[in-house]
Amino acid sequence: SSGTEHGAPGLPGVCSPPAVCSGTALDDSFEKNLNLKRAHLEAVERFNKKPKDGVDFLTDEVKLLEKSERSIAAWLRNTAGLDPAAIGEYIGASKDWNKSVMGAYLETFCFTGLEIDDGLRAVLSQFKIPGEAQVIDRIMEKFAECYCRDNPDRFTNAATAYVLSFSIIMLNTDAHSKNVLNRMSKEDYIKNVAGIDDGKDLDRAYVEGIYTRITTNEIKLSAVTAAAVVAAATPSAGGA
C-alpha cells in the first residue's frame, strides 16, 4: 500500500490532512471582523448625521482610513449607506481640505466615451449638491476638468465643458419644472450655446442630441439646487 497512506505528502492521488485551526484563532478573527464591521457602520451613521464627525472617527479615532484626500474620496464613492445629501455637504464645504476631497472624489469617475450630459448625470446621481451658487460653480468647474481629461478631443478647452454643463442643468430645469410655462425649444437651446467652444459653434447634431436626451430623461435635482444653478450661471452669462 505504498503511496496510498492518508497523509503521505507529495504523492499523486494522496491528500494531506486538513489543517486544524485553534478555537482561539477562530474566535479572535471573528471578533476582529465583527469590530471592523461595527466601526464602519458607526462611521456611516456618524457621517450621515454630521459628515465631519464620521470622517474624523474613521481617520483619527479607529484609524481605519488614511487621512488623505484620495482615501476619503474612495470611501465616499464606495461605501454603501451614505446619505447623498451628507456627501454633498462634505465635499461642498468651503474649507481647502473639503475642496481637495471634492476634487479627488470627482477624479474617481471615468468619463471616457460618455456624452457630457451622461457624465453629469452619473455624478449627480451619487450626491446632492448643496443649494449654494459658489459650491455648484466649484463642482461644475472640476467636473469640466475631469470630463476633458478623459475626452481630450471633445472640446477646445475645459471652459467649453464648464459652460455647457451649466446650460444642460438649466435646460433640465426648464424642461421638467412645473413652474415653467414656456419651455425652451430645440432652436432656443442651440442659440443659447452658440459660440461657446472658444468662439465656435458646437456641432448641431451634437447639441440636438443633448437637447433630446435631457428633455426626454430628467436629471433629478432638488428645487433648491436647480435654483442655485441658475444663480451660479447668471454671472457667467452676463460676463460673456
C-alpha atoms as a PDB file:
ATOM      1  CA  SER A   1       0.000   0.000   0.000  1.00  0.00           C
ATOM      2  CA  SER A   2       2.979   2.281  -0.538  1.00  0.00           C
ATOM      3  CA  GLY A   3       1.948   5.739  -1.696  1.00  0.00           C
ATOM      4  CA  THR A   4      -1.680   5.294  -0.615  1.00  0.00           C
ATOM      5  CA  GLU A   5      -1.467   6.104   3.065  1.00  0.00           C
ATOM      6  CA  HIS A   6      -3.591   9.049   4.087  1.00  0.00           C
ATOM      7  CA  GLY A   7      -1.338  11.953   4.826  1.00  0.00           C
ATOM      8  CA  ALA A   8       1.647  10.960   2.651  1.00  0.00           C
ATOM      9  CA  PRO A   9       2.523  14.281   1.122  1.00  0.00           C
ATOM     10  CA  GLY A  10       3.755  14.866  -2.410  1.00  0.00           C
ATOM     11  CA  LEU A  11       2.354  11.666  -3.969  1.00  0.00           C
ATOM     12  CA  PRO A  12      -0.269  11.565  -6.744  1.00  0.00           C
ATOM     13  CA  GLY A  13      -3.791  10.967  -5.547  1.00  0.00           C
ATOM     14  CA  VAL A  14      -2.857  11.397  -1.913  1.00  0.00           C
ATOM     15  CA  CYS A  15      -4.468  14.100   0.226  1.00  0.00           C
ATOM     16  CA  SER A  16      -2.730  15.748   3.103  1.00  0.00           C
ATOM     17  CA  PRO A  17      -4.782  16.023   6.301  1.00  0.00           C
ATOM     18  CA  PRO A  18      -6.676  19.289   6.640  1.00  0.00           C
ATOM     19  CA  ALA A  19      -5.077  21.997   8.723  1.00  0.00           C
ATOM     20  CA  VAL A  20      -6.591  22.373  12.142  1.00  0.00           C
ATOM     21  CA  CYS A  21      -7.462  25.867  13.374  1.00  0.00           C
ATOM     22  CA  SER A  22      -7.491  26.506  17.053  1.00  0.00           C
ATOM     23  CA  GLY A  23     -10.738  27.716  18.541  1.00  0.00           C
ATOM     24  CA  THR A  24      -8.943  30.764  19.896  1.00  0.00           C
ATOM     25  CA  ALA A  25      -7.673  31.824  16.464  1.00  0.00           C
ATOM     26  CA  LEU A  26     -11.167  31.497  15.002  1.00  0.00           C
ATOM     27  CA  ASP A  27     -12.678  33.463  17.852  1.00  0.00           C
ATOM     28  CA  ASP A  28     -10.100  36.244  17.517  1.00  0.00           C
ATOM     29  CA  SER A  29     -10.623  36.503  13.761  1.00  0.00           C
ATOM     30  CA  PHE A  30     -14.403  36.587  14.127  1.00  0.00           C
ATOM     31  CA  GLU A  31     -14.168  39.207  16.872  1.00  0.00           C
ATOM     32  CA  LYS A  32     -11.832  41.344  14.781  1.00  0.00           C
ATOM     33  CA  ASN A  33     -14.126  41.225  11.735  1.00  0.00           C
ATOM     34  CA  LEU A  34     -17.150  41.988  13.886  1.00  0.00           C
ATOM     35  CA  ASN A  35     -15.449  45.007  15.437  1.00  0.00           C
ATOM     36  CA  LEU A  36     -14.384  46.190  11.989  1.00  0.00           C
ATOM     37  CA  LYS A  37     -17.945  45.945  10.705  1.00  0.00           C
ATOM     38  CA  ARG A  38     -19.297  47.755  13.772  1.00  0.00           C
ATOM     39  CA  ALA A  39     -16.754  50.552  13.289  1.00  0.00           C
ATOM     40  CA  HIS A  40     -17.720  51.004   9.630  1.00  0.00           C
ATOM     41  CA  LEU A  41     -21.418  51.037  10.481  1.00  0.00           C
ATOM     42  CA  GLU A  42     -20.816  53.592  13.209  1.00  0.00           C
ATOM     43  CA  ALA A  43     -18.788  55.715  10.780  1.00  0.00           C
ATOM     44  CA  VAL A  44     -21.659  55.690   8.269  1.00  0.00           C
ATOM     45  CA  GLU A  45     -24.157  56.600  10.988  1.00  0.00           C
ATOM     46  CA  ARG A  46     -21.978  59.439  12.261  1.00  0.00           C
ATOM     47  CA  PHE A  47     -21.282  60.689   8.736  1.00  0.00           C
ATOM     48  CA  ASN A  48     -24.964  60.841   7.871  1.00  0.00           C
ATOM     49  CA  LYS A  49     -25.657  62.922  10.994  1.00  0.00           C
ATOM     50  CA  LYS A  50     -22.588  65.151  10.758  1.00  0.00           C
ATOM     51  CA  PRO A  51     -20.198  64.353   7.890  1.00  0.00           C
ATOM     52  CA  LYS A  52     -17.032  65.685   9.505  1.00  0.00           C
ATOM     53  CA  ASP A  53     -17.614  63.532  12.600  1.00  0.00           C
ATOM     54  CA  GLY A  54     -17.882  60.377  10.514  1.00  0.00           C
ATOM     55  CA  VAL A  55     -14.648  61.074   8.657  1.00  0.00           C
ATOM     56  CA  ASP A  56     -12.781  62.070  11.834  1.00  0.00           C
ATOM     57  CA  PHE A  57     -13.997  58.885  13.534  1.00  0.00           C
ATOM     58  CA  LEU A  58     -12.516  56.768  10.727  1.00  0.00           C
ATOM     59  CA  THR A  59      -9.223  58.613  10.359  1.00  0.00           C
ATOM     60  CA  ASP A  60      -8.423  59.713  13.910  1.00  0.00           C
ATOM     61  CA  GLU A  61     -10.345  57.535  16.357  1.00  0.00           C
ATOM     62  CA  VAL A  62     -10.439  53.993  14.954  1.00  0.00           C
ATOM     63  CA  LYS A  63      -7.782  54.722  12.287  1.00  0.00           C
ATOM     64  CA  LEU A  64      -9.384  52.546   9.630  1.00  0.00           C
ATOM     65  CA  LEU A  65      -8.826  55.145   6.936  1.00  0.00           C
ATOM     66  CA  GLU A  66      -5.732  57.089   5.914  1.00  0.00           C
ATOM     67  CA  LYS A  67      -6.242  60.819   6.316  1.00  0.00           C
ATOM     68  CA  SER A  68      -5.688  61.689   2.671  1.00  0.00           C
ATOM     69  CA  GLU A  69      -7.987  63.247   0.099  1.00  0.00           C
ATOM     70  CA  ARG A  70      -7.872  60.166  -2.125  1.00  0.00           C
ATOM     71  CA  SER A  71      -8.610  57.698   0.677  1.00  0.00           C
ATOM     72  CA  ILE A  72     -11.598  59.677   1.877  1.00  0.00           C
ATOM     73  CA  ALA A  73     -12.834  60.241  -1.680  1.00  0.00           C
ATOM     74  CA  ALA A  74     -12.673  56.487  -2.332  1.00  0.00           C
ATOM     75  CA  TRP A  75     -14.565  55.803   0.897  1.00  0.00           C
ATOM     76  CA  LEU A  76     -17.270  58.277  -0.111  1.00  0.00           C
ATOM     77  CA  ARG A  77     -17.599  56.663  -3.533  1.00  0.00           C
ATOM     78  CA  ASN A  78     -17.569  53.030  -2.435  1.00  0.00           C
ATOM     79  CA  THR A  79     -19.366  52.903   0.909  1.00  0.00           C
ATOM     80  CA  ALA A  80     -22.968  51.750   0.937  1.00  0.00           C
ATOM     81  CA  GLY A  81     -25.498  53.564   3.099  1.00  0.00           C
ATOM     82  CA  LEU A  82     -24.063  57.085   2.923  1.00  0.00           C
ATOM     83  CA  ASP A  83     -26.678  59.827   2.628  1.00  0.00           C
ATOM     84  CA  PRO A  84     -26.232  61.638  -0.750  1.00  0.00           C
ATOM     85  CA  ALA A  85     -27.020  64.940   0.978  1.00  0.00           C
ATOM     86  CA  ALA A  86     -24.275  64.317   3.562  1.00  0.00           C
ATOM     87  CA  ILE A  87     -21.761  63.562   0.796  1.00  0.00           C
ATOM     88  CA  GLY A  88     -22.722  66.814  -0.915  1.00  0.00           C
ATOM     89  CA  GLU A  89     -22.387  68.714   2.345  1.00  0.00           C
ATOM     90  CA  TYR A  90     -18.889  67.340   2.963  1.00  0.00           C
ATOM     91  CA  ILE A  91     -17.400  67.811  -0.499  1.00  0.00           C
ATOM     92  CA  GLY A  92     -19.223  71.113  -0.920  1.00  0.00           C
ATOM     93  CA  ALA A  93     -17.811  72.728   2.228  1.00  0.00           C
ATOM     94  CA  SER A  94     -15.673  75.811   1.668  1.00  0.00           C
ATOM     95  CA  LYS A  95     -12.519  74.739   3.545  1.00  0.00           C
ATOM     96  CA  ASP A  96      -9.479  73.964   1.397  1.00  0.00           C
ATOM     97  CA  TRP A  97      -9.441  70.386   2.712  1.00  0.00           C
ATOM     98  CA  ASN A  98     -13.031  69.745   1.592  1.00  0.00           C
ATOM     99  CA  LYS A  99     -12.330  71.330  -1.789  1.00  0.00           C
ATOM    100  CA  SER A 100      -9.404  68.939  -2.220  1.00  0.00           C
ATOM    101  CA  VAL A 101     -11.567  65.952  -1.287  1.00  0.00           C
ATOM    102  CA  MET A 102     -14.189  67.151  -3.787  1.00  0.00           C
ATOM    103  CA  GLY A 103     -11.527  67.228  -6.496  1.00  0.00           C
ATOM    104  CA  ALA A 104     -10.313  63.738  -5.592  1.00  0.00           C
ATOM    105  CA  TYR A 105     -13.923  62.493  -5.462  1.00  0.00           C
ATOM    106  CA  LEU A 106     -14.700  63.679  -8.994  1.00  0.00           C
ATOM    107  CA  GLU A 107     -11.427  62.205 -10.201  1.00  0.00           C
ATOM    108  CA  THR A 108     -12.711  58.747  -9.203  1.00  0.00           C
ATOM    109  CA  PHE A 109     -15.231  58.900 -12.066  1.00  0.00           C
ATOM    110  CA  CYS A 110     -14.316  57.681 -15.543  1.00  0.00           C
ATOM    111  CA  PHE A 111     -15.987  59.744 -18.267  1.00  0.00           C
ATOM    112  CA  THR A 112     -14.157  58.241 -21.232  1.00  0.00           C
ATOM    113  CA  GLY A 113     -16.528  57.869 -24.191  1.00  0.00           C
ATOM    114  CA  LEU A 114     -19.508  59.282 -22.288  1.00  0.00           C
ATOM    115  CA  GLU A 115     -21.585  62.153 -23.610  1.00  0.00           C
ATOM    116  CA  ILE A 116     -21.156  65.144 -21.320  1.00  0.00           C
ATOM    117  CA  ASP A 117     -24.788  65.033 -20.154  1.00  0.00           C
ATOM    118  CA  ASP A 118     -24.419  61.336 -19.289  1.00  0.00           C
ATOM    119  CA  GLY A 119     -21.273  62.143 -17.316  1.00  0.00           C
ATOM    120  CA  LEU A 120     -23.100  64.889 -15.472  1.00  0.00           C
ATOM    121  CA  ARG A 121     -25.994  62.537 -14.790  1.00  0.00           C
ATOM    122  CA  ALA A 122     -23.591  59.923 -13.384  1.00  0.00           C
ATOM    123  CA  VAL A 123     -22.040  62.455 -10.990  1.00  0.00           C
ATOM    124  CA  LEU A 124     -25.315  63.971  -9.822  1.00  0.00           C
ATOM    125  CA  SER A 125     -26.801  60.540  -9.122  1.00  0.00           C
ATOM    126  CA  GLN A 126     -24.209  59.971  -6.388  1.00  0.00           C
ATOM    127  CA  PHE A 127     -24.710  63.021  -4.191  1.00  0.00           C
ATOM    128  CA  LYS A 128     -26.914  66.071  -3.723  1.00  0.00           C
ATOM    129  CA  ILE A 129     -25.276  69.410  -4.421  1.00  0.00           C
ATOM    130  CA  PRO A 130     -25.926  71.941  -1.660  1.00  0.00           C
ATOM    131  CA  GLY A 131     -28.021  74.840  -2.934  1.00  0.00           C
ATOM    132  CA  GLU A 132     -25.266  77.435  -2.973  1.00  0.00           C
ATOM    133  CA  ALA A 133     -24.088  79.051  -6.190  1.00  0.00           C
ATOM    134  CA  GLN A 134     -20.393  79.034  -5.195  1.00  0.00           C
ATOM    135  CA  VAL A 135     -20.472  75.312  -4.373  1.00  0.00           C
ATOM    136  CA  ILE A 136     -22.136  74.455  -7.669  1.00  0.00           C
ATOM    137  CA  ASP A 137     -19.620  76.610  -9.517  1.00  0.00           C
ATOM    138  CA  ARG A 138     -16.677  74.741  -7.934  1.00  0.00           C
ATOM    139  CA  ILE A 139     -18.185  71.337  -8.659  1.00  0.00           C
ATOM    140  CA  MET A 140     -19.017  72.222 -12.267  1.00  0.00           C
ATOM    141  CA  GLU A 141     -15.510  73.569 -12.833  1.00  0.00           C
ATOM    142  CA  LYS A 142     -13.918  70.370 -11.517  1.00  0.00           C
ATOM    143  CA  PHE A 143     -16.381  68.184 -13.430  1.00  0.00           C
ATOM    144  CA  ALA A 144     -15.482  70.005 -16.660  1.00  0.00           C
ATOM    145  CA  GLU A 145     -11.770  69.493 -15.965  1.00  0.00           C
ATOM    146  CA  CYS A 146     -12.236  65.750 -15.320  1.00  0.00           C
ATOM    147  CA  TYR A 147     -14.511  65.285 -18.323  1.00  0.00           C
ATOM    148  CA  CYS A 148     -11.967  66.930 -20.641  1.00  0.00           C
ATOM    149  CA  ARG A 149      -9.165  64.871 -19.079  1.00  0.00           C
ATOM    150  CA  ASP A 150     -10.990  61.713 -20.188  1.00  0.00           C
ATOM    151  CA  ASN A 151     -12.200  63.146 -23.511  1.00  0.00           C
ATOM    152  CA  PRO A 152      -9.361  65.449 -24.632  1.00  0.00           C
ATOM    153  CA  ASP A 153     -10.581  65.853 -28.214  1.00  0.00           C
ATOM    154  CA  ARG A 154     -14.222  66.649 -27.477  1.00  0.00           C
ATOM    155  CA  PHE A 155     -13.929  70.416 -26.876  1.00  0.00           C
ATOM    156  CA  THR A 156     -11.368  73.148 -27.456  1.00  0.00           C
ATOM    157  CA  ASN A 157     -10.860  73.530 -23.710  1.00  0.00           C
ATOM    158  CA  ALA A 158     -12.429  72.839 -20.316  1.00  0.00           C
ATOM    159  CA  ALA A 159     -14.185  76.221 -20.331  1.00  0.00           C
ATOM    160  CA  THR A 160     -16.499  74.882 -23.045  1.00  0.00           C
ATOM    161  CA  ALA A 161     -17.440  71.858 -20.922  1.00  0.00           C
ATOM    162  CA  TYR A 162     -17.969  74.152 -17.928  1.00  0.00           C
ATOM    163  CA  VAL A 163     -20.410  76.472 -19.718  1.00  0.00           C
ATOM    164  CA  LEU A 164     -22.137  73.555 -21.461  1.00  0.00           C
ATOM    165  CA  SER A 165     -22.639  71.780 -18.114  1.00  0.00           C
ATOM    166  CA  PHE A 166     -24.470  74.796 -16.727  1.00  0.00           C
ATOM    167  CA  SER A 167     -26.576  75.009 -19.877  1.00  0.00           C
ATOM    168  CA  ILE A 168     -27.530  71.338 -19.512  1.00  0.00           C
ATOM    169  CA  ILE A 169     -28.785  71.761 -15.944  1.00  0.00           C
ATOM    170  CA  MET A 170     -30.658  74.923 -16.891  1.00  0.00           C
ATOM    171  CA  LEU A 171     -32.246  73.067 -19.826  1.00  0.00           C
ATOM    172  CA  ASN A 172     -33.125  70.223 -17.446  1.00  0.00           C
ATOM    173  CA  THR A 173     -34.880  72.662 -15.092  1.00  0.00           C
ATOM    174  CA  ASP A 174     -36.657  74.394 -17.958  1.00  0.00           C
ATOM    175  CA  ALA A 175     -37.854  71.110 -19.452  1.00  0.00           C
ATOM    176  CA  HIS A 176     -39.089  69.449 -16.268  1.00  0.00           C
ATOM    177  CA  SER A 177     -40.081  72.139 -13.756  1.00  0.00           C
ATOM    178  CA  LYS A 178     -43.823  72.539 -13.225  1.00  0.00           C
ATOM    179  CA  ASN A 179     -43.272  76.268 -12.772  1.00  0.00           C
ATOM    180  CA  VAL A 180     -42.045  76.816 -16.340  1.00  0.00           C
ATOM    181  CA  LEU A 181     -44.891  77.614 -18.758  1.00  0.00           C
ATOM    182  CA  ASN A 182     -42.985  78.461 -21.947  1.00  0.00           C
ATOM    183  CA  ARG A 183     -40.402  75.751 -22.389  1.00  0.00           C
ATOM    184  CA  MET A 184     -37.184  76.143 -24.323  1.00  0.00           C
ATOM    185  CA  SER A 185     -37.383  74.832 -27.873  1.00  0.00           C
ATOM    186  CA  LYS A 186     -34.575  72.955 -29.566  1.00  0.00           C
ATOM    187  CA  GLU A 187     -33.746  76.057 -31.611  1.00  0.00           C
ATOM    188  CA  ASP A 188     -33.705  78.180 -28.439  1.00  0.00           C
ATOM    189  CA  TYR A 189     -31.197  75.814 -26.842  1.00  0.00           C
ATOM    190  CA  ILE A 190     -28.975  75.750 -29.916  1.00  0.00           C
ATOM    191  CA  LYS A 191     -28.920  79.561 -29.872  1.00  0.00           C
ATOM    192  CA  ASN A 192     -28.135  79.575 -26.144  1.00  0.00           C
ATOM    193  CA  VAL A 193     -24.961  77.530 -26.620  1.00  0.00           C
ATOM    194  CA  ALA A 194     -23.836  79.178 -29.863  1.00  0.00           C
ATOM    195  CA  GLY A 195     -20.164  80.146 -29.909  1.00  0.00           C
ATOM    196  CA  ILE A 196     -19.289  78.570 -26.542  1.00  0.00           C
ATOM    197  CA  ASP A 197     -16.437  76.446 -27.932  1.00  0.00           C
ATOM    198  CA  ASP A 198     -13.823  79.208 -27.870  1.00  0.00           C
ATOM    199  CA  GLY A 199     -15.954  81.307 -30.197  1.00  0.00           C
ATOM    200  CA  LYS A 200     -17.008  78.411 -32.418  1.00  0.00           C
ATOM    201  CA  ASP A 201     -20.346  76.608 -32.510  1.00  0.00           C
ATOM    202  CA  LEU A 202     -20.588  73.004 -31.385  1.00  0.00           C
ATOM    203  CA  ASP A 203     -21.776  70.528 -33.983  1.00  0.00           C
ATOM    204  CA  ARG A 204     -25.529  70.981 -34.426  1.00  0.00           C
ATOM    205  CA  ALA A 205     -26.291  67.247 -34.254  1.00  0.00           C
ATOM    206  CA  TYR A 206     -24.272  67.026 -31.029  1.00  0.00           C
ATOM    207  CA  VAL A 207     -26.280  69.825 -29.388  1.00  0.00           C
ATOM    208  CA  GLU A 208     -29.562  68.355 -30.661  1.00  0.00           C
ATOM    209  CA  GLY A 209     -28.598  65.035 -29.053  1.00  0.00           C
ATOM    210  CA  ILE A 210     -28.101  66.735 -25.677  1.00  0.00           C
ATOM    211  CA  TYR A 211     -31.458  68.504 -26.020  1.00  0.00           C
ATOM    212  CA  THR A 212     -33.306  65.280 -26.841  1.00  0.00           C
ATOM    213  CA  ARG A 213     -31.721  63.249 -24.037  1.00  0.00           C
ATOM    214  CA  ILE A 214     -32.332  65.889 -21.377  1.00  0.00           C
ATOM    215  CA  THR A 215     -35.906  66.751 -22.372  1.00  0.00           C
ATOM    216  CA  THR A 216     -36.901  63.079 -22.501  1.00  0.00           C
ATOM    217  CA  ASN A 217     -34.969  61.903 -19.426  1.00  0.00           C
ATOM    218  CA  GLU A 218     -34.845  64.257 -16.452  1.00  0.00           C
ATOM    219  CA  ILE A 219     -31.775  64.626 -14.258  1.00  0.00           C
ATOM    220  CA  LYS A 220     -33.280  64.560 -10.783  1.00  0.00           C
ATOM    221  CA  LEU A 221     -32.337  67.674  -8.816  1.00  0.00           C
ATOM    222  CA  SER A 222     -33.868  69.354  -5.794  1.00  0.00           C
ATOM    223  CA  ALA A 223     -35.637  72.655  -6.434  1.00  0.00           C
ATOM    224  CA  VAL A 224     -33.068  74.396  -4.221  1.00  0.00           C
ATOM    225  CA  THR A 225     -30.170  73.026  -6.275  1.00  0.00           C
ATOM    226  CA  ALA A 226     -31.852  73.897  -9.563  1.00  0.00           C
ATOM    227  CA  ALA A 227     -32.409  77.493  -8.418  1.00  0.00           C
ATOM    228  CA  ALA A 228     -28.803  77.764  -7.260  1.00  0.00           C
ATOM    229  CA  VAL A 229     -27.573  76.560 -10.654  1.00  0.00           C
ATOM    230  CA  VAL A 230     -29.447  79.421 -12.317  1.00  0.00           C
ATOM    231  CA  ALA A 231     -27.927  81.854  -9.800  1.00  0.00           C
ATOM    232  CA  ALA A 232     -24.427  80.451 -10.404  1.00  0.00           C
ATOM    233  CA  ALA A 233     -24.779  80.583 -14.184  1.00  0.00           C
ATOM    234  CA  THR A 234     -26.181  84.102 -14.379  1.00  0.00           C
ATOM    235  CA  PRO A 235     -22.881  85.971 -13.716  1.00  0.00           C
ATOM    236  CA  SER A 236     -21.166  83.859 -16.395  1.00  0.00           C
ATOM    237  CA  ALA A 237     -23.896  84.661 -18.880  1.00  0.00           C
ATOM    238  CA  GLY A 238     -23.735  88.330 -18.009  1.00  0.00           C
ATOM    239  CA  GLY A 239     -19.993  88.467 -18.446  1.00  0.00           C
ATOM    240  CA  ALA A 240     -19.930  86.654 -21.768  1.00  0.00           C
END
